[in-house]
Amino acid sequence: MSRALLLSHGELAKEILATTRLVLGEISGVDFLTLPSGVDLSQYEQDIRRRVEEASDGILILTDIFGGTPFITASRVYASLENKDLMEVVTGMNLAMVLQVCGSLGSMTVGELKKEVMAAGAEGIIDLKDKV
């Protein structure tokens, strides 16, 4: 089964996963790593790398913002992989994306998950004025 890993500055990834569990109930195959101020970045990278290595069927990593430390660190791990097909990284994580990934983990490859999550993120941005 493909896995998902949520990465963010501060506690955002932890709280998005907690909110997802409020909506969906208990879920498996999804984990998070927070990045509090002052964390050892080499240890943070090792923690990401370990999660990637444990995901033999592939892993989708969602990060909070493009260019931030979680994204850059995940990019470094990706660059070092021999089989890049087993890891996807998408940035701009939001609740709609995490709900989608949690509902699809058992039935899709990591590449399919990436496409679903990106669509869910984009479709989740709605201007109220366009709906009334």
C-alpha atoms as a PDB file:
ATOM      1  CA  MET A   1       0.000   0.000   0.000  1.00  0.00           C
ATOM      2  CA  SER A   2       1.232   3.476  -0.827  1.00  0.00           C
ATOM      3  CA  ARG A   3       1.874   5.776   2.099  1.00  0.00           C
ATOM      4  CA  ALA A   4       1.673   9.518   2.674  1.00  0.00           C
ATOM      5  CA  LEU A   5       3.851  11.825   4.743  1.00  0.00           C
ATOM      6  CA  LEU A   6       2.845  15.353   5.709  1.00  0.00           C
ATOM      7  CA  LEU A   7       5.647  17.875   6.271  1.00  0.00           C
ATOM      8  CA  SER A   8       5.302  21.419   7.565  1.00  0.00           C
ATOM      9  CA  HIS A   9       6.775  24.235   9.519  1.00  0.00           C
ATOM     10  CA  GLY A  10       5.573  24.247  13.120  1.00  0.00           C
ATOM     11  CA  GLU A  11       2.641  22.010  14.000  1.00  0.00           C
ATOM     12  CA  LEU A  12       0.592  22.432  10.808  1.00  0.00           C
ATOM     13  CA  ALA A  13       1.091  18.863   9.503  1.00  0.00           C
ATOM     14  CA  LYS A  14       0.179  17.384  12.888  1.00  0.00           C
ATOM     15  CA  GLU A  15      -2.968  19.495  13.139  1.00  0.00           C
ATOM     16  CA  ILE A  16      -4.110  18.837   9.563  1.00  0.00           C
ATOM     17  CA  LEU A  17      -3.823  15.106  10.232  1.00  0.00           C
ATOM     18  CA  ALA A  18      -5.688  15.495  13.534  1.00  0.00           C
ATOM     19  CA  THR A  19      -8.474  17.373  11.739  1.00  0.00           C
ATOM     20  CA  THR A  20      -8.576  14.713   9.032  1.00  0.00           C
ATOM     21  CA  ARG A  21      -9.067  12.083  11.731  1.00  0.00           C
ATOM     22  CA  LEU A  22     -11.978  14.112  13.137  1.00  0.00           C
ATOM     23  CA  VAL A  23     -13.653  13.940   9.734  1.00  0.00           C
ATOM     24  CA  LEU A  24     -12.737  10.403   8.619  1.00  0.00           C
ATOM     25  CA  GLY A  25     -12.026   8.561  11.842  1.00  0.00           C
ATOM     26  CA  GLU A  26      -8.915   6.464  12.318  1.00  0.00           C
ATOM     27  CA  ILE A  27      -6.701   6.193   9.255  1.00  0.00           C
ATOM     28  CA  SER A  28      -3.543   4.269   8.474  1.00  0.00           C
ATOM     29  CA  GLY A  29      -0.721   4.805   6.052  1.00  0.00           C
ATOM     30  CA  VAL A  30      -0.403   8.534   6.761  1.00  0.00           C
ATOM     31  CA  ASP A  31       2.171  10.114   9.049  1.00  0.00           C
ATOM     32  CA  PHE A  32       3.570  13.574   9.696  1.00  0.00           C
ATOM     33  CA  LEU A  33       6.784  15.292  10.678  1.00  0.00           C
ATOM     34  CA  THR A  34       6.746  18.741  12.206  1.00  0.00           C
ATOM     35  CA  LEU A  35       9.574  21.223  11.926  1.00  0.00           C
ATOM     36  CA  PRO A  36       9.782  23.249  15.105  1.00  0.00           C
ATOM     37  CA  SER A  37      12.224  26.108  15.433  1.00  0.00           C
ATOM     38  CA  GLY A  38      15.787  25.025  16.147  1.00  0.00           C
ATOM     39  CA  VAL A  39      15.450  21.408  14.998  1.00  0.00           C
ATOM     40  CA  ASP A  40      18.558  19.603  13.765  1.00  0.00           C
ATOM     41  CA  LEU A  41      18.047  19.641   9.988  1.00  0.00           C
ATOM     42  CA  SER A  42      20.294  16.650   9.347  1.00  0.00           C
ATOM     43  CA  GLN A  43      18.159  14.609  11.761  1.00  0.00           C
ATOM     44  CA  TYR A  44      14.996  15.929  10.082  1.00  0.00           C
ATOM     45  CA  GLU A  45      16.326  14.747   6.711  1.00  0.00           C
ATOM     46  CA  GLN A  46      17.212  11.349   8.177  1.00  0.00           C
ATOM     47  CA  ASP A  47      13.677  11.042   9.582  1.00  0.00           C
ATOM     48  CA  ILE A  48      12.188  11.755   6.143  1.00  0.00           C
ATOM     49  CA  ARG A  49      14.609   9.349   4.470  1.00  0.00           C
ATOM     50  CA  ARG A  50      13.689   6.594   6.939  1.00  0.00           C
ATOM     51  CA  ARG A  51       9.967   7.037   6.225  1.00  0.00           C
ATOM     52  CA  VAL A  52      10.644   6.908   2.482  1.00  0.00           C
ATOM     53  CA  GLU A  53      12.705   3.716   2.843  1.00  0.00           C
ATOM     54  CA  GLU A  54       9.939   2.096   4.918  1.00  0.00           C
ATOM     55  CA  ALA A  55       7.361   2.749   2.171  1.00  0.00           C
ATOM     56  CA  SER A  56       8.193  -0.099  -0.194  1.00  0.00           C
ATOM     57  CA  ASP A  57       5.093   0.571  -2.356  1.00  0.00           C
ATOM     58  CA  GLY A  58       5.825   4.283  -2.629  1.00  0.00           C
ATOM     59  CA  ILE A  59       5.190   7.464  -0.706  1.00  0.00           C
ATOM     60  CA  LEU A  60       3.480  10.745  -1.458  1.00  0.00           C
ATOM     61  CA  ILE A  61       4.928  13.651   0.501  1.00  0.00           C
ATOM     62  CA  LEU A  62       2.803  16.753   0.975  1.00  0.00           C
ATOM     63  CA  THR A  63       4.567  19.910   2.143  1.00  0.00           C
ATOM     64  CA  ASP A  64       3.184  23.230   3.291  1.00  0.00           C
ATOM     65  CA  ILE A  65       4.933  25.721   0.991  1.00  0.00           C
ATOM     66  CA  PHE A  66       7.176  25.655  -2.047  1.00  0.00           C
ATOM     67  CA  GLY A  67      10.739  26.641  -1.212  1.00  0.00           C
ATOM     68  CA  GLY A  68      10.368  26.109   2.529  1.00  0.00           C
ATOM     69  CA  THR A  69      12.668  23.864   4.540  1.00  0.00           C
ATOM     70  CA  PRO A  70      10.285  20.848   4.537  1.00  0.00           C
ATOM     71  CA  PHE A  71      10.000  21.068   0.734  1.00  0.00           C
ATOM     72  CA  ILE A  72      13.744  21.569   0.218  1.00  0.00           C
ATOM     73  CA  THR A  73      14.589  18.691   2.550  1.00  0.00           C
ATOM     74  CA  ALA A  74      12.125  16.345   0.839  1.00  0.00           C
ATOM     75  CA  SER A  75      13.608  17.432  -2.505  1.00  0.00           C
ATOM     76  CA  ARG A  76      17.068  16.436  -1.300  1.00  0.00           C
ATOM     77  CA  VAL A  77      15.828  13.007  -0.302  1.00  0.00           C
ATOM     78  CA  TYR A  78      14.111  12.642  -3.687  1.00  0.00           C
ATOM     79  CA  ALA A  79      17.278  13.653  -5.563  1.00  0.00           C
ATOM     80  CA  SER A  80      19.245  10.939  -3.782  1.00  0.00           C
ATOM     81  CA  LEU A  81      16.835   8.107  -4.612  1.00  0.00           C
ATOM     82  CA  GLU A  82      17.767   5.473  -7.122  1.00  0.00           C
ATOM     83  CA  ASN A  83      14.115   4.667  -7.946  1.00  0.00           C
ATOM     84  CA  LYS A  84      12.377   8.038  -8.147  1.00  0.00           C
ATOM     85  CA  ASP A  85       9.075   6.413  -9.168  1.00  0.00           C
ATOM     86  CA  LEU A  86       8.492   5.450  -5.528  1.00  0.00           C
ATOM     87  CA  MET A  87       8.332   9.042  -4.244  1.00  0.00           C
ATOM     88  CA  GLU A  88       6.257  12.057  -5.207  1.00  0.00           C
ATOM     89  CA  VAL A  89       6.366  15.503  -3.596  1.00  0.00           C
ATOM     90  CA  VAL A  90       3.509  17.987  -3.826  1.00  0.00           C
ATOM     91  CA  THR A  91       3.523  21.358  -2.104  1.00  0.00           C
ATOM     92  CA  GLY A  92       0.686  23.651  -1.031  1.00  0.00           C
ATOM     93  CA  MET A  93      -0.830  21.074   1.334  1.00  0.00           C
ATOM     94  CA  ASN A  94      -4.349  21.787   2.514  1.00  0.00           C
ATOM     95  CA  LEU A  95      -7.127  19.858   4.240  1.00  0.00           C
ATOM     96  CA  ALA A  96      -8.894  18.954   0.984  1.00  0.00           C
ATOM     97  CA  MET A  97      -5.701  17.329  -0.289  1.00  0.00           C
ATOM     98  CA  VAL A  98      -5.156  15.327   2.887  1.00  0.00           C
ATOM     99  CA  LEU A  99      -8.763  14.144   2.972  1.00  0.00           C
ATOM    100  CA  GLN A 100      -8.391  12.965  -0.638  1.00  0.00           C
ATOM    101  CA  VAL A 101      -5.156  11.103  -0.016  1.00  0.00           C
ATOM    102  CA  CYS A 102      -6.557   9.380   3.063  1.00  0.00           C
ATOM    103  CA  GLY A 103      -9.589   8.215   1.116  1.00  0.00           C
ATOM    104  CA  SER A 104      -7.498   6.853  -1.754  1.00  0.00           C
ATOM    105  CA  LEU A 105      -4.379   5.334  -0.180  1.00  0.00           C
ATOM    106  CA  GLY A 106      -5.292   1.692  -0.500  1.00  0.00           C
ATOM    107  CA  SER A 107      -6.415   1.785  -4.104  1.00  0.00           C
ATOM    108  CA  MET A 108      -3.869   3.881  -6.010  1.00  0.00           C
ATOM    109  CA  THR A 109      -0.226   4.004  -6.915  1.00  0.00           C
ATOM    110  CA  VAL A 110       1.819   6.934  -5.681  1.00  0.00           C
ATOM    111  CA  GLY A 111       1.652   8.579  -9.114  1.00  0.00           C
ATOM    112  CA  GLU A 112      -2.133   8.238  -9.233  1.00  0.00           C
ATOM    113  CA  LEU A 113      -2.372   9.635  -5.707  1.00  0.00           C
ATOM    114  CA  LYS A 114      -0.356  12.662  -6.747  1.00  0.00           C
ATOM    115  CA  LYS A 115      -2.784  13.458  -9.555  1.00  0.00           C
ATOM    116  CA  GLU A 116      -5.829  13.002  -7.294  1.00  0.00           C
ATOM    117  CA  VAL A 117      -4.363  15.177  -4.552  1.00  0.00           C
ATOM    118  CA  MET A 118      -3.404  17.976  -6.909  1.00  0.00           C
ATOM    119  CA  ALA A 119      -6.914  18.019  -8.363  1.00  0.00           C
ATOM    120  CA  ALA A 120      -8.498  18.017  -4.890  1.00  0.00           C
ATOM    121  CA  GLY A 121      -6.318  20.931  -3.820  1.00  0.00           C
ATOM    122  CA  ALA A 122      -7.229  23.011  -6.851  1.00  0.00           C
ATOM    123  CA  GLU A 123     -10.939  22.118  -6.701  1.00  0.00           C
ATOM    124  CA  GLY A 124     -11.030  23.020  -3.016  1.00  0.00           C
ATOM    125  CA  ILE A 125     -10.337  26.687  -3.803  1.00  0.00           C
ATOM    126  CA  ILE A 126     -13.717  28.277  -4.443  1.00  0.00           C
ATOM    127  CA  ASP A 127     -14.804  31.908  -4.550  1.00  0.00           C
ATOM    128  CA  LEU A 128     -18.185  32.261  -2.863  1.00  0.00           C
ATOM    129  CA  LYS A 129     -19.197  34.939  -5.358  1.00  0.00           C
ATOM    130  CA  ASP A 130     -18.861  32.375  -8.136  1.00  0.00           C
ATOM    131  CA  LYS A 131     -21.364  30.126  -6.353  1.00  0.00           C
ATOM    132  CA  VAL A 132     -24.123  32.621  -5.581  1.00  0.00           C
END
